Amino acid sequence: MTEFEVDSVDKYNAMAAMTTALPNLQQISIGSMLGFGVGYGCHAFRHGEDPGAEMLSINENCYLHDMNIISNFRKLRCLDLGCTRLNGRYPFLFNFPLLHNLRI
């Protein structure tokens, strides 16, 4: 099984296109996008539901990207969120019926 790693804005944009082109993707790794991508500036993922107040300022000056986009890959078996700064609840993470491996 081939893993697709999202660790830059360009790969995030590719993942967005893959949600319709390859909806049966089974393995994905989401990494930190801080300091990467097209142009200058900080790139990060949006906070989840009920985010912790102490971390709200971390992404204050960043370009924010939607983490919920991975919910379109309904056949995920492996999901790695190892280097991602997440803050809050992300209920969509529990909607992958075939998920065997979740690394946070």
PDB file of N, CA and C in Angstrom:
ATOM      1  N   MET A   1       0.844  -1.163   0.000  1.00  0.00           N
ATOM      2  CA  MET A   1       0.000   0.000   0.000  1.00  0.00           C
ATOM      3  C   MET A   1       0.902   1.242   0.000  1.00  0.00           C
ATOM      4  N   THR A   2       0.666   2.156  -0.893  1.00  0.00           N
ATOM      5  CA  THR A   2       1.453   3.384  -0.997  1.00  0.00           C
ATOM      6  C   THR A   2       0.865   4.465  -0.115  1.00  0.00           C
ATOM      7  N   GLU A   3       1.752   5.166   0.568  1.00  0.00           N
ATOM      8  CA  GLU A   3       1.320   6.234   1.462  1.00  0.00           C
ATOM      9  C   GLU A   3       1.469   7.579   0.769  1.00  0.00           C
ATOM     10  N   PHE A   4       0.481   8.437   0.936  1.00  0.00           N
ATOM     11  CA  PHE A   4       0.552   9.801   0.438  1.00  0.00           C
ATOM     12  C   PHE A   4       0.756  10.701   1.630  1.00  0.00           C
ATOM     13  N   GLU A   5       1.833  11.474   1.644  1.00  0.00           N
ATOM     14  CA  GLU A   5       2.147  12.340   2.774  1.00  0.00           C
ATOM     15  C   GLU A   5       1.861  13.789   2.426  1.00  0.00           C
ATOM     16  N   VAL A   6       1.049  14.431   3.243  1.00  0.00           N
ATOM     17  CA  VAL A   6       0.691  15.833   3.049  1.00  0.00           C
ATOM     18  C   VAL A   6       1.504  16.656   4.039  1.00  0.00           C
ATOM     19  N   ASP A   7       2.559  17.317   3.532  1.00  0.00           N
ATOM     20  CA  ASP A   7       3.417  18.115   4.398  1.00  0.00           C
ATOM     21  C   ASP A   7       3.748  19.470   3.784  1.00  0.00           C
ATOM     22  N   SER A   8       2.966  19.869   2.793  1.00  0.00           N
ATOM     23  CA  SER A   8       3.161  21.168   2.162  1.00  0.00           C
ATOM     24  C   SER A   8       1.829  21.636   1.574  1.00  0.00           C
ATOM     25  N   VAL A   9       1.779  22.893   1.236  1.00  0.00           N
ATOM     26  CA  VAL A   9       0.554  23.437   0.642  1.00  0.00           C
ATOM     27  C   VAL A   9       0.284  22.793  -0.708  1.00  0.00           C
ATOM     28  N   ASP A  10       1.325  22.574  -1.486  1.00  0.00           N
ATOM     29  CA  ASP A  10       1.142  21.942  -2.795  1.00  0.00           C
ATOM     30  C   ASP A  10       0.531  20.548  -2.648  1.00  0.00           C
ATOM     31  N   LYS A  11       0.994  19.787  -1.655  1.00  0.00           N
ATOM     32  CA  LYS A  11       0.443  18.448  -1.436  1.00  0.00           C
ATOM     33  C   LYS A  11      -0.964  18.522  -0.856  1.00  0.00           C
ATOM     34  N   TYR A  12      -1.250  19.542  -0.067  1.00  0.00           N
ATOM     35  CA  TYR A  12      -2.607  19.733   0.434  1.00  0.00           C
ATOM     36  C   TYR A  12      -3.553  19.991  -0.739  1.00  0.00           C
ATOM     37  N   ASN A  13      -3.136  20.839  -1.672  1.00  0.00           N
ATOM     38  CA  ASN A  13      -3.952  21.117  -2.858  1.00  0.00           C
ATOM     39  C   ASN A  13      -4.117  19.867  -3.711  1.00  0.00           C
ATOM     40  N   ALA A  14      -3.076  19.050  -3.791  1.00  0.00           N
ATOM     41  CA  ALA A  14      -3.184  17.780  -4.519  1.00  0.00           C
ATOM     42  C   ALA A  14      -4.180  16.858  -3.822  1.00  0.00           C
ATOM     43  N   MET A  15      -4.140  16.832  -2.486  1.00  0.00           N
ATOM     44  CA  MET A  15      -5.078  16.001  -1.736  1.00  0.00           C
ATOM     45  C   MET A  15      -6.518  16.451  -1.996  1.00  0.00           C
ATOM     46  N   ALA A  16      -6.727  17.752  -2.096  1.00  0.00           N
ATOM     47  CA  ALA A  16      -8.067  18.260  -2.386  1.00  0.00           C
ATOM     48  C   ALA A  16      -8.568  17.742  -3.727  1.00  0.00           C
ATOM     49  N   ALA A  17      -7.696  17.711  -4.715  1.00  0.00           N
ATOM     50  CA  ALA A  17      -8.073  17.182  -6.029  1.00  0.00           C
ATOM     51  C   ALA A  17      -8.280  15.669  -5.976  1.00  0.00           C
ATOM     52  N   MET A  18      -7.514  15.003  -5.129  1.00  0.00           N
ATOM     53  CA  MET A  18      -7.607  13.542  -5.026  1.00  0.00           C
ATOM     54  C   MET A  18      -8.906  13.081  -4.381  1.00  0.00           C
ATOM     55  N   THR A  19      -9.587  13.942  -3.656  1.00  0.00           N
ATOM     56  CA  THR A  19     -10.837  13.527  -3.016  1.00  0.00           C
ATOM     57  C   THR A  19     -11.877  13.098  -4.042  1.00  0.00           C
ATOM     58  N   THR A  20     -11.806  13.667  -5.242  1.00  0.00           N
ATOM     59  CA  THR A  20     -12.727  13.230  -6.304  1.00  0.00           C
ATOM     60  C   THR A  20     -12.057  12.265  -7.269  1.00  0.00           C
ATOM     61  N   ALA A  21     -10.753  12.433  -7.510  1.00  0.00           N
ATOM     62  CA  ALA A  21     -10.046  11.577  -8.458  1.00  0.00           C
ATOM     63  C   ALA A  21      -9.715  10.203  -7.869  1.00  0.00           C
ATOM     64  N   LEU A  22      -9.375  10.168  -6.579  1.00  0.00           N
ATOM     65  CA  LEU A  22      -8.993   8.915  -5.912  1.00  0.00           C
ATOM     66  C   LEU A  22      -9.709   8.776  -4.564  1.00  0.00           C
ATOM     67  N   PRO A  23     -11.026   8.681  -4.568  1.00  0.00           N
ATOM     68  CA  PRO A  23     -11.745   8.621  -3.289  1.00  0.00           C
ATOM     69  C   PRO A  23     -11.472   7.345  -2.499  1.00  0.00           C
ATOM     70  N   ASN A  24     -10.888   6.323  -3.124  1.00  0.00           N
ATOM     71  CA  ASN A  24     -10.618   5.059  -2.451  1.00  0.00           C
ATOM     72  C   ASN A  24      -9.217   4.983  -1.856  1.00  0.00           C
ATOM     73  N   LEU A  25      -8.546   6.123  -1.723  1.00  0.00           N
ATOM     74  CA  LEU A  25      -7.223   6.155  -1.116  1.00  0.00           C
ATOM     75  C   LEU A  25      -7.289   5.490   0.256  1.00  0.00           C
ATOM     76  N   GLN A  26      -6.325   4.606   0.549  1.00  0.00           N
ATOM     77  CA  GLN A  26      -6.397   3.826   1.776  1.00  0.00           C
ATOM     78  C   GLN A  26      -5.401   4.244   2.850  1.00  0.00           C
ATOM     79  N   GLN A  27      -4.373   4.997   2.489  1.00  0.00           N
ATOM     80  CA  GLN A  27      -3.369   5.363   3.479  1.00  0.00           C
ATOM     81  C   GLN A  27      -2.914   6.794   3.248  1.00  0.00           C
ATOM     82  N   ILE A  28      -2.927   7.593   4.303  1.00  0.00           N
ATOM     83  CA  ILE A  28      -2.522   8.993   4.176  1.00  0.00           C
ATOM     84  C   ILE A  28      -1.837   9.437   5.463  1.00  0.00           C
ATOM     85  N   SER A  29      -0.846  10.288   5.290  1.00  0.00           N
ATOM     86  CA  SER A  29      -0.117  10.850   6.412  1.00  0.00           C
ATOM     87  C   SER A  29      -0.214  12.368   6.315  1.00  0.00           C
ATOM     88  N   ILE A  30      -0.690  12.992   7.385  1.00  0.00           N
ATOM     89  CA  ILE A  30      -0.818  14.444   7.418  1.00  0.00           C
ATOM     90  C   ILE A  30       0.270  14.979   8.332  1.00  0.00           C
ATOM     91  N   GLY A  31       1.130  15.831   7.788  1.00  0.00           N
ATOM     92  CA  GLY A  31       2.226  16.387   8.575  1.00  0.00           C
ATOM     93  C   GLY A  31       2.043  17.869   8.809  1.00  0.00           C
ATOM     94  N   SER A  32       3.029  18.444   9.435  1.00  0.00           N
ATOM     95  CA  SER A  32       3.006  19.873   9.724  1.00  0.00           C
ATOM     96  C   SER A  32       3.276  20.657   8.451  1.00  0.00           C
ATOM     97  N   MET A  33       2.494  21.682   8.223  1.00  0.00           N
ATOM     98  CA  MET A  33       2.697  22.536   7.051  1.00  0.00           C
ATOM     99  C   MET A  33       3.295  23.874   7.443  1.00  0.00           C
ATOM    100  N   LEU A  34       3.704  24.027   8.682  1.00  0.00           N
ATOM    101  CA  LEU A  34       4.265  25.296   9.135  1.00  0.00           C
ATOM    102  C   LEU A  34       5.535  25.617   8.367  1.00  0.00           C
ATOM    103  N   GLY A  35       5.558  26.761   7.723  1.00  0.00           N
ATOM    104  CA  GLY A  35       6.754  27.212   7.021  1.00  0.00           C
ATOM    105  C   GLY A  35       6.934  26.641   5.635  1.00  0.00           C
ATOM    106  N   PHE A  36       5.973  25.881   5.135  1.00  0.00           N
ATOM    107  CA  PHE A  36       6.098  25.290   3.815  1.00  0.00           C
ATOM    108  C   PHE A  36       5.075  25.898   2.873  1.00  0.00           C
ATOM    109  N   GLY A  37       5.238  25.618   1.594  1.00  0.00           N
ATOM    110  CA  GLY A  37       4.203  25.959   0.642  1.00  0.00           C
ATOM    111  C   GLY A  37       4.546  27.100  -0.286  1.00  0.00           C
ATOM    112  N   VAL A  38       3.621  27.373  -1.142  1.00  0.00           N
ATOM    113  CA  VAL A  38       3.762  28.427  -2.131  1.00  0.00           C
ATOM    114  C   VAL A  38       3.710  29.773  -1.430  1.00  0.00           C
ATOM    115  N   GLY A  39       4.601  30.653  -1.762  1.00  0.00           N
ATOM    116  CA  GLY A  39       4.608  31.983  -1.163  1.00  0.00           C
ATOM    117  C   GLY A  39       5.227  31.966   0.217  1.00  0.00           C
ATOM    118  N   TYR A  40       5.031  33.051   0.914  1.00  0.00           N
ATOM    119  CA  TYR A  40       5.618  33.191   2.236  1.00  0.00           C
ATOM    120  C   TYR A  40       4.545  33.058   3.296  1.00  0.00           C
ATOM    121  N   GLY A  41       4.977  32.798   4.486  1.00  0.00           N
ATOM    122  CA  GLY A  41       4.037  32.762   5.597  1.00  0.00           C
ATOM    123  C   GLY A  41       3.863  31.394   6.187  1.00  0.00           C
ATOM    124  N   CYS A  42       3.070  31.365   7.204  1.00  0.00           N
ATOM    125  CA  CYS A  42       2.800  30.165   7.973  1.00  0.00           C
ATOM    126  C   CYS A  42       1.535  29.495   7.434  1.00  0.00           C
ATOM    127  N   HIS A  43       1.566  28.181   7.348  1.00  0.00           N
ATOM    128  CA  HIS A  43       0.401  27.412   6.913  1.00  0.00           C
ATOM    129  C   HIS A  43       0.090  26.383   7.987  1.00  0.00           C
ATOM    130  N   ALA A  44      -1.170  26.264   8.364  1.00  0.00           N
ATOM    131  CA  ALA A  44      -1.572  25.336   9.412  1.00  0.00           C
ATOM    132  C   ALA A  44      -3.010  24.884   9.157  1.00  0.00           C
ATOM    133  N   PHE A  45      -3.466  23.922   9.964  1.00  0.00           N
ATOM    134  CA  PHE A  45      -4.839  23.439   9.857  1.00  0.00           C
ATOM    135  C   PHE A  45      -5.739  24.198  10.819  1.00  0.00           C
ATOM    136  N   ARG A  46      -7.002  24.357  10.429  1.00  0.00           N
ATOM    137  CA  ARG A  46      -7.984  25.043  11.267  1.00  0.00           C
ATOM    138  C   ARG A  46      -8.178  24.279  12.579  1.00  0.00           C
ATOM    139  N   HIS A  47      -8.550  25.013  13.610  1.00  0.00           N
ATOM    140  CA  HIS A  47      -8.864  24.396  14.889  1.00  0.00           C
ATOM    141  C   HIS A  47     -10.144  23.587  14.750  1.00  0.00           C
ATOM    142  N   GLY A  48     -10.264  22.553  15.568  1.00  0.00           N
ATOM    143  CA  GLY A  48     -11.473  21.749  15.595  1.00  0.00           C
ATOM    144  C   GLY A  48     -12.536  22.404  16.453  1.00  0.00           C
ATOM    145  N   GLU A  49     -13.549  21.641  16.777  1.00  0.00           N
ATOM    146  CA  GLU A  49     -14.623  22.126  17.636  1.00  0.00           C
ATOM    147  C   GLU A  49     -14.089  22.293  19.059  1.00  0.00           C
ATOM    148  N   ASP A  50     -14.541  23.292  19.768  1.00  0.00           N
ATOM    149  CA  ASP A  50     -14.148  23.560  21.150  1.00  0.00           C
ATOM    150  C   ASP A  50     -12.631  23.567  21.350  1.00  0.00           C
ATOM    151  N   PRO A  51     -11.916  24.414  20.622  1.00  0.00           N
ATOM    152  CA  PRO A  51     -10.451  24.426  20.757  1.00  0.00           C
ATOM    153  C   PRO A  51     -10.009  24.964  22.114  1.00  0.00           C
ATOM    154  N   GLY A  52      -8.849  24.508  22.545  1.00  0.00           N
ATOM    155  CA  GLY A  52      -8.279  25.002  23.791  1.00  0.00           C
ATOM    156  C   GLY A  52      -7.785  26.432  23.612  1.00  0.00           C
ATOM    157  N   ALA A  53      -8.150  27.302  24.540  1.00  0.00           N
ATOM    158  CA  ALA A  53      -7.827  28.731  24.427  1.00  0.00           C
ATOM    159  C   ALA A  53      -6.331  28.990  24.414  1.00  0.00           C
ATOM    160  N   GLU A  54      -5.564  28.168  25.110  1.00  0.00           N
ATOM    161  CA  GLU A  54      -4.126  28.392  25.191  1.00  0.00           C
ATOM    162  C   GLU A  54      -3.407  28.202  23.853  1.00  0.00           C
ATOM    163  N   MET A  55      -4.032  27.511  22.923  1.00  0.00           N
ATOM    164  CA  MET A  55      -3.389  27.279  21.624  1.00  0.00           C
ATOM    165  C   MET A  55      -3.986  28.128  20.503  1.00  0.00           C
ATOM    166  N   LEU A  56      -4.987  28.927  20.776  1.00  0.00           N
ATOM    167  CA  LEU A  56      -5.644  29.707  19.731  1.00  0.00           C
ATOM    168  C   LEU A  56      -4.697  30.676  19.035  1.00  0.00           C
ATOM    169  N   SER A  57      -3.769  31.236  19.753  1.00  0.00           N
ATOM    170  CA  SER A  57      -2.869  32.233  19.161  1.00  0.00           C
ATOM    171  C   SER A  57      -1.790  31.611  18.281  1.00  0.00           C
ATOM    172  N   ILE A  58      -1.584  30.307  18.354  1.00  0.00           N
ATOM    173  CA  ILE A  58      -0.529  29.659  17.573  1.00  0.00           C
ATOM    174  C   ILE A  58      -0.759  29.848  16.075  1.00  0.00           C
ATOM    175  N   ASN A  59      -1.990  29.701  15.622  1.00  0.00           N
ATOM    176  CA  ASN A  59      -2.305  29.806  14.202  1.00  0.00           C
ATOM    177  C   ASN A  59      -2.824  31.189  13.816  1.00  0.00           C
ATOM    178  N   GLU A  60      -2.668  32.142  14.700  1.00  0.00           N
ATOM    179  CA  GLU A  60      -3.261  33.466  14.517  1.00  0.00           C
ATOM    180  C   GLU A  60      -2.861  34.135  13.206  1.00  0.00           C
ATOM    181  N   ASN A  61      -1.616  34.057  12.820  1.00  0.00           N
ATOM    182  CA  ASN A  61      -1.130  34.725  11.609  1.00  0.00           C
ATOM    183  C   ASN A  61      -0.850  33.756  10.471  1.00  0.00           C
ATOM    184  N   CYS A  62      -1.488  32.614  10.496  1.00  0.00           N
ATOM    185  CA  CYS A  62      -1.242  31.584   9.482  1.00  0.00           C
ATOM    186  C   CYS A  62      -2.361  31.535   8.450  1.00  0.00           C
ATOM    187  N   TYR A  63      -2.022  31.023   7.277  1.00  0.00           N
ATOM    188  CA  TYR A  63      -3.024  30.654   6.292  1.00  0.00           C
ATOM    189  C   TYR A  63      -3.606  29.327   6.772  1.00  0.00           C
ATOM    190  N   LEU A  64      -4.926  29.275   6.946  1.00  0.00           N
ATOM    191  CA  LEU A  64      -5.537  28.079   7.518  1.00  0.00           C
ATOM    192  C   LEU A  64      -6.148  27.196   6.444  1.00  0.00           C
ATOM    193  N   HIS A  65      -5.994  25.887   6.651  1.00  0.00           N
ATOM    194  CA  HIS A  65      -6.497  24.880   5.714  1.00  0.00           C
ATOM    195  C   HIS A  65      -7.436  23.940   6.455  1.00  0.00           C
ATOM    196  N   ASP A  66      -8.406  23.388   5.754  1.00  0.00           N
ATOM    197  CA  ASP A  66      -9.456  22.563   6.341  1.00  0.00           C
ATOM    198  C   ASP A  66      -8.995  21.115   6.504  1.00  0.00           C
ATOM    199  N   MET A  67      -9.003  20.626   7.733  1.00  0.00           N
ATOM    200  CA  MET A  67      -8.624  19.241   8.009  1.00  0.00           C
ATOM    201  C   MET A  67      -9.749  18.273   7.646  1.00  0.00           C
ATOM    202  N   ASN A  68     -10.990  18.754   7.642  1.00  0.00           N
ATOM    203  CA  ASN A  68     -12.140  17.894   7.338  1.00  0.00           C
ATOM    204  C   ASN A  68     -12.104  17.311   5.931  1.00  0.00           C
ATOM    205  N   ILE A  69     -11.239  17.803   5.102  1.00  0.00           N
ATOM    206  CA  ILE A  69     -11.171  17.322   3.720  1.00  0.00           C
ATOM    207  C   ILE A  69     -10.853  15.833   3.655  1.00  0.00           C
ATOM    208  N   ILE A  70     -10.154  15.318   4.657  1.00  0.00           N
ATOM    209  CA  ILE A  70      -9.811  13.894   4.602  1.00  0.00           C
ATOM    210  C   ILE A  70     -11.022  13.000   4.842  1.00  0.00           C
ATOM    211  N   SER A  71     -12.132  13.562   5.315  1.00  0.00           N
ATOM    212  CA  SER A  71     -13.328  12.746   5.515  1.00  0.00           C
ATOM    213  C   SER A  71     -13.894  12.234   4.191  1.00  0.00           C
ATOM    214  N   ASN A  72     -13.443  12.781   3.068  1.00  0.00           N
ATOM    215  CA  ASN A  72     -13.895  12.309   1.752  1.00  0.00           C
ATOM    216  C   ASN A  72     -13.251  10.990   1.347  1.00  0.00           C
ATOM    217  N   PHE A  73     -12.202  10.590   2.042  1.00  0.00           N
ATOM    218  CA  PHE A  73     -11.545   9.309   1.754  1.00  0.00           C
ATOM    219  C   PHE A  73     -12.172   8.240   2.643  1.00  0.00           C
ATOM    220  N   ARG A  74     -13.328   7.746   2.251  1.00  0.00           N
ATOM    221  CA  ARG A  74     -14.130   6.840   3.072  1.00  0.00           C
ATOM    222  C   ARG A  74     -13.499   5.469   3.279  1.00  0.00           C
ATOM    223  N   LYS A  75     -12.517   5.095   2.460  1.00  0.00           N
ATOM    224  CA  LYS A  75     -11.934   3.752   2.571  1.00  0.00           C
ATOM    225  C   LYS A  75     -10.556   3.763   3.219  1.00  0.00           C
ATOM    226  N   LEU A  76     -10.268   4.801   3.995  1.00  0.00           N
ATOM    227  CA  LEU A  76      -8.975   4.873   4.674  1.00  0.00           C
ATOM    228  C   LEU A  76      -8.792   3.692   5.611  1.00  0.00           C
ATOM    229  N   ARG A  77      -7.610   3.105   5.551  1.00  0.00           N
ATOM    230  CA  ARG A  77      -7.240   2.027   6.467  1.00  0.00           C
ATOM    231  C   ARG A  77      -6.175   2.496   7.450  1.00  0.00           C
ATOM    232  N   CYS A  78      -5.317   3.414   6.997  1.00  0.00           N
ATOM    233  CA  CYS A  78      -4.232   3.936   7.830  1.00  0.00           C
ATOM    234  C   CYS A  78      -4.232   5.454   7.758  1.00  0.00           C
ATOM    235  N   LEU A  79      -4.266   6.091   8.911  1.00  0.00           N
ATOM    236  CA  LEU A  79      -4.244   7.545   8.985  1.00  0.00           C
ATOM    237  C   LEU A  79      -3.199   7.962  10.016  1.00  0.00           C
ATOM    238  N   ASP A  80      -2.228   8.728   9.578  1.00  0.00           N
ATOM    239  CA  ASP A  80      -1.138   9.175  10.437  1.00  0.00           C
ATOM    240  C   ASP A  80      -1.229  10.691  10.589  1.00  0.00           C
ATOM    241  N   LEU A  81      -1.449  11.143  11.799  1.00  0.00           N
ATOM    242  CA  LEU A  81      -1.519  12.572  12.105  1.00  0.00           C
ATOM    243  C   LEU A  81      -0.371  12.960  13.028  1.00  0.00           C
ATOM    244  N   GLY A  82       0.739  12.255  12.924  1.00  0.00           N
ATOM    245  CA  GLY A  82       1.848  12.359  13.861  1.00  0.00           C
ATOM    246  C   GLY A  82       2.444  13.733  14.069  1.00  0.00           C
ATOM    247  N   CYS A  83       2.630  14.510  13.039  1.00  0.00           N
ATOM    248  CA  CYS A  83       3.306  15.808  13.173  1.00  0.00           C
ATOM    249  C   CYS A  83       2.350  16.982  12.997  1.00  0.00           C
ATOM    250  N   THR A  84       1.085  16.741  13.133  1.00  0.00           N
ATOM    251  CA  THR A  84       0.087  17.781  12.900  1.00  0.00           C
ATOM    252  C   THR A  84      -0.304  18.442  14.212  1.00  0.00           C
ATOM    253  N   ARG A  85      -0.341  19.759  14.212  1.00  0.00           N
ATOM    254  CA  ARG A  85      -0.817  20.484  15.394  1.00  0.00           C
ATOM    255  C   ARG A  85      -2.324  20.611  15.295  1.00  0.00           C
ATOM    256  N   LEU A  86      -3.014  19.816  16.082  1.00  0.00           N
ATOM    257  CA  LEU A  86      -4.472  19.862  16.096  1.00  0.00           C
ATOM    258  C   LEU A  86      -4.929  20.403  17.437  1.00  0.00           C
ATOM    259  N   ASN A  87      -6.000  21.181  17.424  1.00  0.00           N
ATOM    260  CA  ASN A  87      -6.518  21.795  18.633  1.00  0.00           C
ATOM    261  C   ASN A  87      -8.033  21.721  18.607  1.00  0.00           C
ATOM    262  N   GLY A  88      -8.608  20.941  19.488  1.00  0.00           N
ATOM    263  CA  GLY A  88     -10.055  20.811  19.545  1.00  0.00           C
ATOM    264  C   GLY A  88     -10.502  19.400  19.220  1.00  0.00           C
ATOM    265  N   ARG A  89     -11.785  19.265  18.991  1.00  0.00           N
ATOM    266  CA  ARG A  89     -12.366  17.962  18.640  1.00  0.00           C
ATOM    267  C   ARG A  89     -12.550  17.881  17.134  1.00  0.00           C
ATOM    268  N   TYR A  90     -12.307  16.716  16.582  1.00  0.00           N
ATOM    269  CA  TYR A  90     -12.471  16.453  15.157  1.00  0.00           C
ATOM    270  C   TYR A  90     -13.320  15.187  15.009  1.00  0.00           C
ATOM    271  N   PRO A  91     -14.648  15.303  15.116  1.00  0.00           N
ATOM    272  CA  PRO A  91     -15.529  14.129  15.097  1.00  0.00           C
ATOM    273  C   PRO A  91     -15.414  13.288  13.826  1.00  0.00           C
ATOM    274  N   PHE A  92     -15.047  13.881  12.711  1.00  0.00           N
ATOM    275  CA  PHE A  92     -14.956  13.123  11.455  1.00  0.00           C
ATOM    276  C   PHE A  92     -13.914  12.013  11.547  1.00  0.00           C
ATOM    277  N   LEU A  93     -12.973  12.094  12.480  1.00  0.00           N
ATOM    278  CA  LEU A  93     -11.947  11.055  12.621  1.00  0.00           C
ATOM    279  C   LEU A  93     -12.542   9.708  13.025  1.00  0.00           C
ATOM    280  N   PHE A  94     -13.789   9.697  13.487  1.00  0.00           N
ATOM    281  CA  PHE A  94     -14.427   8.459  13.911  1.00  0.00           C
ATOM    282  C   PHE A  94     -15.402   7.927  12.864  1.00  0.00           C
ATOM    283  N   ASN A  95     -15.334   8.450  11.647  1.00  0.00           N
ATOM    284  CA  ASN A  95     -16.255   8.042  10.584  1.00  0.00           C
ATOM    285  C   ASN A  95     -15.567   7.284   9.460  1.00  0.00           C
ATOM    286  N   PHE A  96     -14.548   6.499   9.791  1.00  0.00           N
ATOM    287  CA  PHE A  96     -13.861   5.686   8.791  1.00  0.00           C
ATOM    288  C   PHE A  96     -14.064   4.218   9.162  1.00  0.00           C
ATOM    289  N   PRO A  97     -15.064   3.561   8.552  1.00  0.00           N
ATOM    290  CA  PRO A  97     -15.404   2.193   8.955  1.00  0.00           C
ATOM    291  C   PRO A  97     -14.289   1.175   8.720  1.00  0.00           C
ATOM    292  N   LEU A  98     -13.373   1.428   7.801  1.00  0.00           N
ATOM    293  CA  LEU A  98     -12.311   0.474   7.489  1.00  0.00           C
ATOM    294  C   LEU A  98     -10.983   0.804   8.159  1.00  0.00           C
ATOM    295  N   LEU A  99     -10.964   1.855   8.976  1.00  0.00           N
ATOM    296  CA  LEU A  99      -9.719   2.304   9.596  1.00  0.00           C
ATOM    297  C   LEU A  99      -9.179   1.272  10.578  1.00  0.00           C
ATOM    298  N   HIS A 100      -7.927   0.851  10.355  1.00  0.00           N
ATOM    299  CA  HIS A 100      -7.262  -0.117  11.230  1.00  0.00           C
ATOM    300  C   HIS A 100      -6.186   0.542  12.062  1.00  0.00           C
ATOM    301  N   ASN A 101      -5.500   1.555  11.481  1.00  0.00           N
ATOM    302  CA  ASN A 101      -4.383   2.206  12.152  1.00  0.00           C
ATOM    303  C   ASN A 101      -4.605   3.715  12.177  1.00  0.00           C
ATOM    304  N   LEU A 102      -4.604   4.262  13.389  1.00  0.00           N
ATOM    305  CA  LEU A 102      -4.686   5.710  13.576  1.00  0.00           C
ATOM    306  C   LEU A 102      -3.534   6.111  14.470  1.00  0.00           C
ATOM    307  N   ARG A 103      -2.659   6.945  13.942  1.00  0.00           N
ATOM    308  CA  ARG A 103      -1.517   7.421  14.726  1.00  0.00           C
ATOM    309  C   ARG A 103      -1.670   8.919  14.917  1.00  0.00           C
ATOM    310  N   ILE A 104      -1.681   9.344  16.174  1.00  0.00           N
ATOM    311  CA  ILE A 104      -1.815  10.761  16.486  1.00  0.00           C
ATOM    312  C   ILE A 104      -0.572  11.206  17.232  1.00  0.00           C
TER     313      ILE A 104
END
